[in-house]
Amino acid sequence: MQPRLKKQYDDEIRAKLMADYGINNVMAAPKLLKIVVNMGVKGAVENKALVEMAAKDLGLITGQRPTIRLARRSIAGFKLRQGMPIGCAVTLRGNHMWEFADRLISLVLPRIRDFRGVGTNLDGRGNYTLGLSDQTVFPEIELDKVQHHQGMDITFVTNAANDEQATALLTEFGMPFRRPEAISA
């Protein structure tokens, strides 16, 4: 069965974006390529079990087994040695990507307390990264079993030609971007 957000993209969003930006080729329409979810674990140098707990939580959140990320080089000031586990990451593609994006936009972001929207800063190549400060906003995580609160970065990688097209794509998906504040005189 096709994910709801992918069906909406195929049926409505792609045609609207092609019309708005004068794109004639279906393959040139802005689309979501992958979603990368990354957790850098604070305190992983002192306690290696924190990385395993973060990987378990990330696996529950994404439905895919994360890879453990290792330090690339030693940094004496942080007591970090090359090859030590310091985080975990998952790259989502296909149906897993669409289902995760749908859950994030429709369930998780509205659950955040005092939420006023996400920032609109893209990286200049049509990719968007947002950070969450706590993994417990996901409904898959049981609050009673959380021993260490951990944040994460979620990157939406698109094939959009520029940031404007990528913003339009994510807006059509329902991403709640922060409104610019009205300038009062």
N, C-alpha and C. Protein backbone atom coordinates (compact mmCIF):
# COMPACT_ATOMS: atom_id res chain seq x y z
N MET A 1 0.84 -1.19 0.00
CA MET A 1 0.00 0.00 0.00
C MET A 1 0.88 1.25 0.00
N GLN A 2 0.49 2.22 -0.80
CA GLN A 2 1.27 3.44 -0.95
C GLN A 2 1.04 4.37 0.24
N PRO A 3 2.10 4.95 0.82
CA PRO A 3 1.93 5.89 1.93
C PRO A 3 1.08 7.10 1.52
N ARG A 4 0.36 7.64 2.51
CA ARG A 4 -0.57 8.73 2.26
C ARG A 4 0.11 9.97 1.67
N LEU A 5 1.27 10.34 2.21
CA LEU A 5 1.96 11.54 1.75
C LEU A 5 2.50 11.36 0.33
N LYS A 6 2.97 10.15 0.00
CA LYS A 6 3.46 9.88 -1.35
C LYS A 6 2.31 9.94 -2.36
N LYS A 7 1.17 9.39 -2.00
CA LYS A 7 0.00 9.44 -2.88
C LYS A 7 -0.43 10.89 -3.12
N GLN A 8 -0.41 11.69 -2.06
CA GLN A 8 -0.76 13.11 -2.19
C GLN A 8 0.25 13.83 -3.09
N TYR A 9 1.54 13.49 -2.94
CA TYR A 9 2.57 14.10 -3.80
C TYR A 9 2.34 13.73 -5.26
N ASP A 10 2.12 12.44 -5.53
CA ASP A 10 1.92 11.98 -6.90
C ASP A 10 0.66 12.57 -7.53
N ASP A 11 -0.42 12.68 -6.76
CA ASP A 11 -1.71 13.11 -7.31
C ASP A 11 -1.85 14.62 -7.42
N GLU A 12 -1.36 15.37 -6.44
CA GLU A 12 -1.65 16.81 -6.39
C GLU A 12 -0.40 17.70 -6.38
N ILE A 13 0.52 17.43 -5.45
CA ILE A 13 1.61 18.36 -5.16
C ILE A 13 2.56 18.52 -6.34
N ARG A 14 2.95 17.41 -6.98
CA ARG A 14 3.89 17.48 -8.10
C ARG A 14 3.32 18.33 -9.24
N ALA A 15 2.06 18.12 -9.60
CA ALA A 15 1.45 18.90 -10.68
C ALA A 15 1.38 20.38 -10.33
N LYS A 16 1.06 20.69 -9.07
CA LYS A 16 0.98 22.09 -8.65
C LYS A 16 2.35 22.77 -8.73
N LEU A 17 3.41 22.08 -8.25
CA LEU A 17 4.75 22.65 -8.30
C LEU A 17 5.23 22.83 -9.74
N MET A 18 4.92 21.87 -10.60
CA MET A 18 5.32 21.98 -12.00
C MET A 18 4.64 23.17 -12.66
N ALA A 19 3.38 23.40 -12.34
CA ALA A 19 2.66 24.55 -12.90
C ALA A 19 3.21 25.87 -12.35
N ASP A 20 3.48 25.90 -11.06
CA ASP A 20 3.96 27.13 -10.42
C ASP A 20 5.33 27.56 -10.94
N TYR A 21 6.22 26.60 -11.21
CA TYR A 21 7.58 26.93 -11.61
C TYR A 21 7.86 26.70 -13.09
N GLY A 22 6.83 26.40 -13.87
CA GLY A 22 6.98 26.23 -15.32
C GLY A 22 7.87 25.06 -15.70
N ILE A 23 7.77 23.98 -14.97
CA ILE A 23 8.57 22.79 -15.24
C ILE A 23 7.76 21.87 -16.15
N ASN A 24 8.36 21.47 -17.28
CA ASN A 24 7.65 20.63 -18.23
C ASN A 24 7.91 19.14 -18.01
N ASN A 25 9.09 18.77 -17.56
CA ASN A 25 9.46 17.39 -17.38
C ASN A 25 9.11 16.92 -15.98
N VAL A 26 8.41 15.78 -15.88
CA VAL A 26 8.01 15.24 -14.59
C VAL A 26 9.23 14.91 -13.73
N MET A 27 10.31 14.46 -14.37
CA MET A 27 11.51 14.08 -13.62
C MET A 27 12.24 15.30 -13.03
N ALA A 28 11.97 16.49 -13.53
CA ALA A 28 12.62 17.71 -13.03
C ALA A 28 11.83 18.35 -11.89
N ALA A 29 10.66 17.81 -11.58
CA ALA A 29 9.84 18.37 -10.50
C ALA A 29 10.54 18.15 -9.16
N PRO A 30 10.45 19.12 -8.25
CA PRO A 30 11.07 18.95 -6.93
C PRO A 30 10.45 17.75 -6.21
N LYS A 31 11.30 16.91 -5.62
CA LYS A 31 10.80 15.76 -4.87
C LYS A 31 11.74 15.47 -3.70
N LEU A 32 11.22 14.73 -2.77
CA LEU A 32 11.98 14.33 -1.60
C LEU A 32 12.79 13.08 -1.94
N LEU A 33 14.11 13.14 -1.75
CA LEU A 33 14.98 12.01 -2.09
C LEU A 33 15.21 11.09 -0.90
N LYS A 34 15.53 11.68 0.26
CA LYS A 34 15.79 10.88 1.45
C LYS A 34 15.65 11.75 2.69
N ILE A 35 15.54 11.10 3.83
CA ILE A 35 15.53 11.79 5.12
C ILE A 35 16.61 11.14 5.97
N VAL A 36 17.49 11.97 6.53
CA VAL A 36 18.56 11.48 7.39
C VAL A 36 18.28 11.95 8.81
N VAL A 37 18.21 10.99 9.74
CA VAL A 37 17.98 11.29 11.15
C VAL A 37 19.27 10.97 11.89
N ASN A 38 19.82 11.96 12.60
CA ASN A 38 21.12 11.85 13.23
C ASN A 38 21.00 12.20 14.71
N MET A 39 21.60 11.35 15.56
CA MET A 39 21.67 11.64 17.00
C MET A 39 23.13 11.65 17.42
N GLY A 40 23.63 12.80 17.81
CA GLY A 40 24.94 12.88 18.43
C GLY A 40 24.73 12.75 19.92
N VAL A 41 25.38 11.80 20.56
CA VAL A 41 25.08 11.48 21.96
C VAL A 41 26.03 12.22 22.89
N LYS A 42 25.47 13.11 23.69
CA LYS A 42 26.25 13.83 24.68
C LYS A 42 26.60 12.88 25.82
N GLY A 43 27.82 12.85 26.20
CA GLY A 43 28.25 11.97 27.28
C GLY A 43 28.63 10.58 26.82
N ALA A 44 28.73 10.36 25.51
CA ALA A 44 29.08 9.04 24.99
C ALA A 44 30.52 8.67 25.31
N VAL A 45 31.37 9.66 25.53
CA VAL A 45 32.77 9.39 25.84
C VAL A 45 32.89 8.71 27.21
N GLU A 46 32.12 9.18 28.18
CA GLU A 46 32.18 8.62 29.53
C GLU A 46 31.36 7.33 29.66
N ASN A 47 30.22 7.26 28.95
CA ASN A 47 29.31 6.14 29.12
C ASN A 47 28.89 5.61 27.74
N LYS A 48 29.46 4.50 27.35
CA LYS A 48 29.19 3.93 26.03
C LYS A 48 27.77 3.36 25.91
N ALA A 49 27.14 3.07 27.03
CA ALA A 49 25.78 2.54 27.01
C ALA A 49 24.78 3.57 26.51
N LEU A 50 25.11 4.86 26.62
CA LEU A 50 24.21 5.91 26.13
C LEU A 50 24.02 5.81 24.62
N VAL A 51 25.06 5.43 23.90
CA VAL A 51 24.96 5.28 22.45
C VAL A 51 24.01 4.13 22.11
N GLU A 52 24.09 3.04 22.85
CA GLU A 52 23.20 1.90 22.61
C GLU A 52 21.75 2.26 22.90
N MET A 53 21.52 3.01 23.98
CA MET A 53 20.15 3.45 24.30
C MET A 53 19.61 4.38 23.22
N ALA A 54 20.46 5.29 22.75
CA ALA A 54 20.04 6.22 21.69
C ALA A 54 19.74 5.45 20.40
N ALA A 55 20.56 4.46 20.08
CA ALA A 55 20.33 3.66 18.88
C ALA A 55 19.03 2.88 18.99
N LYS A 56 18.72 2.36 20.17
CA LYS A 56 17.46 1.63 20.38
C LYS A 56 16.27 2.56 20.17
N ASP A 57 16.34 3.77 20.75
CA ASP A 57 15.25 4.74 20.59
C ASP A 57 15.11 5.18 19.14
N LEU A 58 16.23 5.42 18.47
CA LEU A 58 16.18 5.83 17.06
C LEU A 58 15.60 4.73 16.19
N GLY A 59 15.90 3.49 16.51
CA GLY A 59 15.31 2.36 15.79
C GLY A 59 13.81 2.30 15.98
N LEU A 60 13.33 2.56 17.19
CA LEU A 60 11.88 2.59 17.44
C LEU A 60 11.21 3.73 16.67
N ILE A 61 11.85 4.88 16.65
CA ILE A 61 11.28 6.06 16.01
C ILE A 61 11.19 5.88 14.50
N THR A 62 12.24 5.37 13.88
CA THR A 62 12.30 5.31 12.42
C THR A 62 11.86 3.97 11.83
N GLY A 63 11.86 2.92 12.64
CA GLY A 63 11.50 1.61 12.12
C GLY A 63 12.63 0.97 11.33
N GLN A 64 13.83 1.47 11.52
CA GLN A 64 14.98 0.97 10.79
C GLN A 64 16.17 0.95 11.73
N ARG A 65 17.05 -0.03 11.59
CA ARG A 65 18.19 -0.15 12.49
C ARG A 65 19.22 0.93 12.18
N PRO A 66 19.61 1.72 13.19
CA PRO A 66 20.59 2.79 12.94
C PRO A 66 22.02 2.26 12.88
N THR A 67 22.87 3.05 12.23
CA THR A 67 24.30 2.75 12.22
C THR A 67 24.96 3.56 13.33
N ILE A 68 25.92 2.96 14.01
CA ILE A 68 26.66 3.65 15.06
C ILE A 68 27.74 4.48 14.38
N ARG A 69 27.81 5.76 14.71
CA ARG A 69 28.81 6.67 14.13
C ARG A 69 30.00 6.75 15.07
N LEU A 70 31.19 6.66 14.47
CA LEU A 70 32.44 6.67 15.24
C LEU A 70 33.17 7.99 15.03
N ALA A 71 33.97 8.37 16.02
CA ALA A 71 34.76 9.59 15.94
C ALA A 71 35.79 9.44 14.83
N ARG A 72 35.94 10.45 14.00
CA ARG A 72 36.88 10.40 12.89
C ARG A 72 38.31 10.67 13.31
N ARG A 73 38.46 11.48 14.37
CA ARG A 73 39.82 11.78 14.84
C ARG A 73 39.79 12.02 16.34
N SER A 74 40.94 11.98 16.92
CA SER A 74 41.07 12.19 18.36
C SER A 74 41.09 13.68 18.69
N ILE A 75 40.42 14.04 19.79
CA ILE A 75 40.43 15.42 20.28
C ILE A 75 40.72 15.34 21.78
N ALA A 76 41.93 15.71 22.16
CA ALA A 76 42.38 15.54 23.54
C ALA A 76 41.55 16.36 24.52
N GLY A 77 41.13 17.56 24.13
CA GLY A 77 40.36 18.42 25.02
C GLY A 77 39.03 17.82 25.43
N PHE A 78 38.47 16.96 24.59
CA PHE A 78 37.20 16.30 24.90
C PHE A 78 37.39 14.87 25.37
N LYS A 79 38.64 14.44 25.53
CA LYS A 79 38.98 13.07 25.90
C LYS A 79 38.40 12.07 24.89
N LEU A 80 38.40 12.46 23.64
CA LEU A 80 37.84 11.67 22.56
C LEU A 80 38.94 11.01 21.76
N ARG A 81 38.81 9.73 21.50
CA ARG A 81 39.79 8.99 20.72
C ARG A 81 39.16 8.56 19.40
N GLN A 82 39.97 8.49 18.38
CA GLN A 82 39.50 8.06 17.07
C GLN A 82 38.90 6.65 17.17
N GLY A 83 37.71 6.49 16.56
CA GLY A 83 37.05 5.19 16.56
C GLY A 83 36.08 4.97 17.70
N MET A 84 35.96 5.93 18.63
CA MET A 84 35.00 5.78 19.72
C MET A 84 33.59 6.05 19.21
N PRO A 85 32.58 5.30 19.67
CA PRO A 85 31.20 5.59 19.25
C PRO A 85 30.71 6.89 19.88
N ILE A 86 30.18 7.79 19.05
CA ILE A 86 29.72 9.09 19.56
C ILE A 86 28.31 9.44 19.12
N GLY A 87 27.67 8.58 18.31
CA GLY A 87 26.32 8.87 17.87
C GLY A 87 25.77 7.76 17.01
N CYS A 88 24.58 8.02 16.45
CA CYS A 88 23.96 7.04 15.55
C CYS A 88 23.13 7.80 14.52
N ALA A 89 22.89 7.15 13.39
CA ALA A 89 22.15 7.81 12.30
C ALA A 89 21.40 6.77 11.48
N VAL A 90 20.34 7.24 10.83
CA VAL A 90 19.52 6.43 9.95
C VAL A 90 19.25 7.22 8.69
N THR A 91 19.36 6.57 7.52
CA THR A 91 18.97 7.18 6.26
C THR A 91 17.72 6.48 5.77
N LEU A 92 16.63 7.23 5.63
CA LEU A 92 15.35 6.67 5.21
C LEU A 92 15.10 6.99 3.74
N ARG A 93 14.69 5.96 3.00
CA ARG A 93 14.32 6.13 1.59
C ARG A 93 13.05 5.35 1.34
N GLY A 94 12.38 5.62 0.22
CA GLY A 94 11.20 4.85 -0.16
C GLY A 94 10.03 5.05 0.78
N ASN A 95 9.27 3.98 1.02
CA ASN A 95 8.07 4.08 1.84
C ASN A 95 8.37 4.45 3.28
N HIS A 96 9.50 3.98 3.83
CA HIS A 96 9.87 4.37 5.19
C HIS A 96 10.03 5.89 5.30
N MET A 97 10.62 6.50 4.28
CA MET A 97 10.82 7.95 4.26
C MET A 97 9.48 8.68 4.26
N TRP A 98 8.56 8.24 3.39
CA TRP A 98 7.27 8.92 3.29
C TRP A 98 6.46 8.78 4.57
N GLU A 99 6.47 7.59 5.16
CA GLU A 99 5.73 7.37 6.39
C GLU A 99 6.31 8.17 7.55
N PHE A 100 7.65 8.25 7.63
CA PHE A 100 8.28 9.03 8.69
C PHE A 100 7.95 10.52 8.52
N ALA A 101 8.04 11.03 7.29
CA ALA A 101 7.74 12.45 7.05
C ALA A 101 6.30 12.76 7.42
N ASP A 102 5.38 11.86 7.08
CA ASP A 102 3.97 12.07 7.40
C ASP A 102 3.76 12.08 8.92
N ARG A 103 4.38 11.13 9.64
CA ARG A 103 4.26 11.10 11.10
C ARG A 103 4.87 12.33 11.74
N LEU A 104 6.03 12.76 11.23
CA LEU A 104 6.70 13.92 11.80
C LEU A 104 5.85 15.18 11.64
N ILE A 105 5.33 15.39 10.44
CA ILE A 105 4.59 16.62 10.16
C ILE A 105 3.21 16.63 10.81
N SER A 106 2.51 15.49 10.79
CA SER A 106 1.13 15.50 11.27
C SER A 106 0.98 15.13 12.75
N LEU A 107 1.93 14.36 13.31
CA LEU A 107 1.79 13.95 14.71
C LEU A 107 2.80 14.58 15.66
N VAL A 108 4.08 14.54 15.29
CA VAL A 108 5.14 14.90 16.23
C VAL A 108 5.25 16.40 16.43
N LEU A 109 5.36 17.16 15.35
CA LEU A 109 5.55 18.61 15.51
C LEU A 109 4.39 19.27 16.24
N PRO A 110 3.12 18.90 16.01
CA PRO A 110 2.05 19.51 16.82
C PRO A 110 2.09 19.13 18.30
N ARG A 111 2.80 18.06 18.67
CA ARG A 111 2.88 17.65 20.07
C ARG A 111 3.88 18.47 20.87
N ILE A 112 4.71 19.23 20.21
CA ILE A 112 5.74 20.00 20.91
C ILE A 112 5.09 21.16 21.66
N ARG A 113 5.44 21.28 22.92
CA ARG A 113 4.86 22.33 23.76
C ARG A 113 5.31 23.72 23.27
N ASP A 114 4.39 24.67 23.26
CA ASP A 114 4.64 26.05 22.84
C ASP A 114 5.25 26.12 21.45
N PHE A 115 4.77 25.28 20.55
CA PHE A 115 5.30 25.21 19.20
C PHE A 115 4.73 26.33 18.35
N ARG A 116 5.62 27.11 17.72
CA ARG A 116 5.19 28.22 16.88
C ARG A 116 5.65 28.07 15.45
N GLY A 117 6.11 26.90 15.08
CA GLY A 117 6.58 26.65 13.73
C GLY A 117 8.08 26.40 13.70
N VAL A 118 8.53 25.83 12.59
CA VAL A 118 9.95 25.55 12.42
C VAL A 118 10.59 26.67 11.60
N GLY A 119 11.89 26.85 11.75
CA GLY A 119 12.61 27.89 11.01
C GLY A 119 12.59 27.63 9.51
N THR A 120 12.91 28.65 8.74
CA THR A 120 12.86 28.54 7.27
C THR A 120 14.23 28.57 6.63
N ASN A 121 15.28 28.30 7.40
CA ASN A 121 16.63 28.36 6.84
C ASN A 121 16.98 27.05 6.13
N LEU A 122 17.20 27.12 4.82
CA LEU A 122 17.65 25.98 4.05
C LEU A 122 19.13 26.16 3.78
N ASP A 123 19.78 25.15 3.24
CA ASP A 123 21.24 25.18 3.11
C ASP A 123 21.75 25.77 1.80
N GLY A 124 20.88 26.26 0.92
CA GLY A 124 21.32 26.83 -0.35
C GLY A 124 21.27 25.83 -1.48
N ARG A 125 21.09 24.56 -1.17
CA ARG A 125 21.01 23.51 -2.20
C ARG A 125 19.66 22.82 -2.20
N GLY A 126 18.70 23.35 -1.45
CA GLY A 126 17.37 22.77 -1.41
C GLY A 126 17.19 21.72 -0.33
N ASN A 127 18.10 21.65 0.64
CA ASN A 127 17.99 20.69 1.73
C ASN A 127 17.61 21.43 3.00
N TYR A 128 16.80 20.79 3.84
CA TYR A 128 16.30 21.43 5.05
C TYR A 128 16.61 20.56 6.25
N THR A 129 17.16 21.15 7.30
CA THR A 129 17.46 20.44 8.54
C THR A 129 16.74 21.10 9.69
N LEU A 130 16.09 20.28 10.50
CA LEU A 130 15.46 20.80 11.71
C LEU A 130 15.95 19.97 12.88
N GLY A 131 16.04 20.59 14.02
CA GLY A 131 16.51 19.91 15.21
C GLY A 131 15.40 19.76 16.23
N LEU A 132 15.36 18.62 16.86
CA LEU A 132 14.43 18.39 17.96
C LEU A 132 15.27 18.20 19.21
N SER A 133 14.84 18.77 20.32
CA SER A 133 15.65 18.72 21.53
C SER A 133 15.37 17.49 22.38
N ASP A 134 14.32 16.72 22.05
CA ASP A 134 13.98 15.57 22.88
C ASP A 134 13.31 14.50 22.03
N GLN A 135 13.68 13.23 22.26
CA GLN A 135 13.11 12.15 21.48
C GLN A 135 11.75 11.73 22.00
N THR A 136 11.33 12.22 23.15
CA THR A 136 10.07 11.77 23.74
C THR A 136 8.84 12.38 23.07
N VAL A 137 9.00 13.29 22.12
CA VAL A 137 7.85 13.83 21.40
C VAL A 137 7.29 12.81 20.41
N PHE A 138 8.05 11.75 20.12
CA PHE A 138 7.57 10.69 19.22
C PHE A 138 6.68 9.74 20.01
N PRO A 139 5.53 9.35 19.47
CA PRO A 139 4.62 8.47 20.22
C PRO A 139 5.17 7.06 20.43
N GLU A 140 6.18 6.64 19.68
CA GLU A 140 6.74 5.30 19.82
C GLU A 140 7.58 5.14 21.09
N ILE A 141 8.04 6.23 21.64
CA ILE A 141 8.90 6.20 22.83
C ILE A 141 8.04 6.16 24.09
N GLU A 142 8.30 5.18 24.94
CA GLU A 142 7.59 5.09 26.22
C GLU A 142 8.33 5.95 27.24
N LEU A 143 7.63 6.92 27.81
CA LEU A 143 8.26 7.88 28.72
C LEU A 143 8.84 7.21 29.96
N ASP A 144 8.23 6.12 30.42
CA ASP A 144 8.71 5.45 31.63
C ASP A 144 10.06 4.79 31.42
N LYS A 145 10.38 4.40 30.19
CA LYS A 145 11.61 3.66 29.93
C LYS A 145 12.77 4.55 29.49
N VAL A 146 12.54 5.85 29.35
CA VAL A 146 13.60 6.76 28.91
C VAL A 146 14.51 7.07 30.09
N GLN A 147 15.80 6.77 29.92
CA GLN A 147 16.77 7.04 30.97
C GLN A 147 17.60 8.29 30.66
N HIS A 148 17.71 8.61 29.38
CA HIS A 148 18.55 9.73 28.96
C HIS A 148 17.82 10.48 27.84
N HIS A 149 17.51 11.75 28.07
CA HIS A 149 16.83 12.55 27.04
C HIS A 149 17.86 12.96 25.99
N GLN A 150 17.50 12.77 24.74
CA GLN A 150 18.44 12.94 23.64
C GLN A 150 17.77 13.72 22.51
N GLY A 151 18.47 14.68 21.92
CA GLY A 151 17.97 15.42 20.78
C GLY A 151 18.39 14.75 19.48
N MET A 152 17.91 15.30 18.36
CA MET A 152 18.24 14.74 17.06
C MET A 152 18.11 15.80 15.98
N ASP A 153 18.83 15.57 14.88
CA ASP A 153 18.72 16.41 13.69
C ASP A 153 18.04 15.60 12.61
N ILE A 154 17.09 16.22 11.92
CA ILE A 154 16.37 15.56 10.84
C ILE A 154 16.58 16.38 9.58
N THR A 155 17.19 15.77 8.55
CA THR A 155 17.51 16.46 7.31
C THR A 155 16.66 15.92 6.18
N PHE A 156 15.93 16.82 5.52
CA PHE A 156 15.15 16.48 4.33
C PHE A 156 16.01 16.81 3.11
N VAL A 157 16.38 15.82 2.34
CA VAL A 157 17.20 16.01 1.15
C VAL A 157 16.28 15.98 -0.06
N THR A 158 16.28 17.07 -0.84
CA THR A 158 15.42 17.17 -2.02
C THR A 158 16.29 17.34 -3.27
N ASN A 159 15.66 17.22 -4.43
CA ASN A 159 16.36 17.48 -5.68
C ASN A 159 15.95 18.85 -6.23
N ALA A 160 15.41 19.71 -5.39
CA ALA A 160 14.95 21.03 -5.83
C ALA A 160 16.12 21.86 -6.35
N ALA A 161 15.84 22.67 -7.37
CA ALA A 161 16.88 23.48 -8.00
C ALA A 161 17.37 24.60 -7.08
N ASN A 162 16.51 25.06 -6.18
CA ASN A 162 16.90 26.13 -5.27
C ASN A 162 16.08 26.05 -3.98
N ASP A 163 16.39 26.92 -3.04
CA ASP A 163 15.71 26.91 -1.76
C ASP A 163 14.23 27.27 -1.87
N GLU A 164 13.90 28.13 -2.81
CA GLU A 164 12.51 28.54 -3.00
C GLU A 164 11.63 27.34 -3.37
N GLN A 165 12.10 26.51 -4.31
CA GLN A 165 11.35 25.34 -4.71
C GLN A 165 11.26 24.32 -3.57
N ALA A 166 12.34 24.16 -2.83
CA ALA A 166 12.34 23.22 -1.70
C ALA A 166 11.38 23.68 -0.61
N THR A 167 11.34 24.98 -0.34
CA THR A 167 10.40 25.52 0.64
C THR A 167 8.97 25.30 0.19
N ALA A 168 8.71 25.52 -1.09
CA ALA A 168 7.36 25.28 -1.62
C ALA A 168 6.98 23.81 -1.50
N LEU A 169 7.90 22.91 -1.78
CA LEU A 169 7.64 21.47 -1.66
C LEU A 169 7.30 21.10 -0.23
N LEU A 170 8.12 21.54 0.72
CA LEU A 170 7.88 21.20 2.13
C LEU A 170 6.61 21.86 2.66
N THR A 171 6.30 23.06 2.18
CA THR A 171 5.06 23.72 2.57
C THR A 171 3.85 22.94 2.08
N GLU A 172 3.92 22.43 0.86
CA GLU A 172 2.84 21.61 0.33
C GLU A 172 2.67 20.31 1.12
N PHE A 173 3.75 19.78 1.64
CA PHE A 173 3.67 18.59 2.49
C PHE A 173 2.98 18.90 3.82
N GLY A 174 2.94 20.18 4.19
CA GLY A 174 2.32 20.59 5.45
C GLY A 174 3.31 20.96 6.53
N MET A 175 4.58 21.17 6.16
CA MET A 175 5.59 21.56 7.14
C MET A 175 5.20 22.91 7.74
N PRO A 176 5.06 22.99 9.05
CA PRO A 176 4.59 24.23 9.69
C PRO A 176 5.72 25.25 9.86
N PHE A 177 6.04 25.95 8.78
CA PHE A 177 7.09 26.97 8.86
C PHE A 177 6.62 28.15 9.68
N ARG A 178 7.55 28.75 10.40
CA ARG A 178 7.27 29.92 11.23
C ARG A 178 6.91 31.10 10.35
N ARG A 179 5.89 31.81 10.71
CA ARG A 179 5.47 32.99 9.97
C ARG A 179 6.37 34.16 10.34
N PRO A 180 6.75 35.00 9.35
CA PRO A 180 7.54 36.20 9.72
C PRO A 180 6.70 37.11 10.59
N GLU A 181 7.31 37.62 11.62
CA GLU A 181 6.60 38.49 12.56
C GLU A 181 6.21 39.79 11.87
N ALA A 182 5.02 40.26 12.18
CA ALA A 182 4.55 41.53 11.59
C ALA A 182 5.35 42.66 12.21
N ILE A 183 5.83 43.55 11.36
CA ILE A 183 6.63 44.69 11.81
C ILE A 183 5.68 45.78 12.29
N SER A 184 5.78 46.12 13.54
CA SER A 184 4.91 47.16 14.09
C SER A 184 5.66 48.49 14.13
N ALA A 185 4.95 49.55 13.82
CA ALA A 185 5.57 50.87 13.78
C ALA A 185 5.60 51.53 15.12
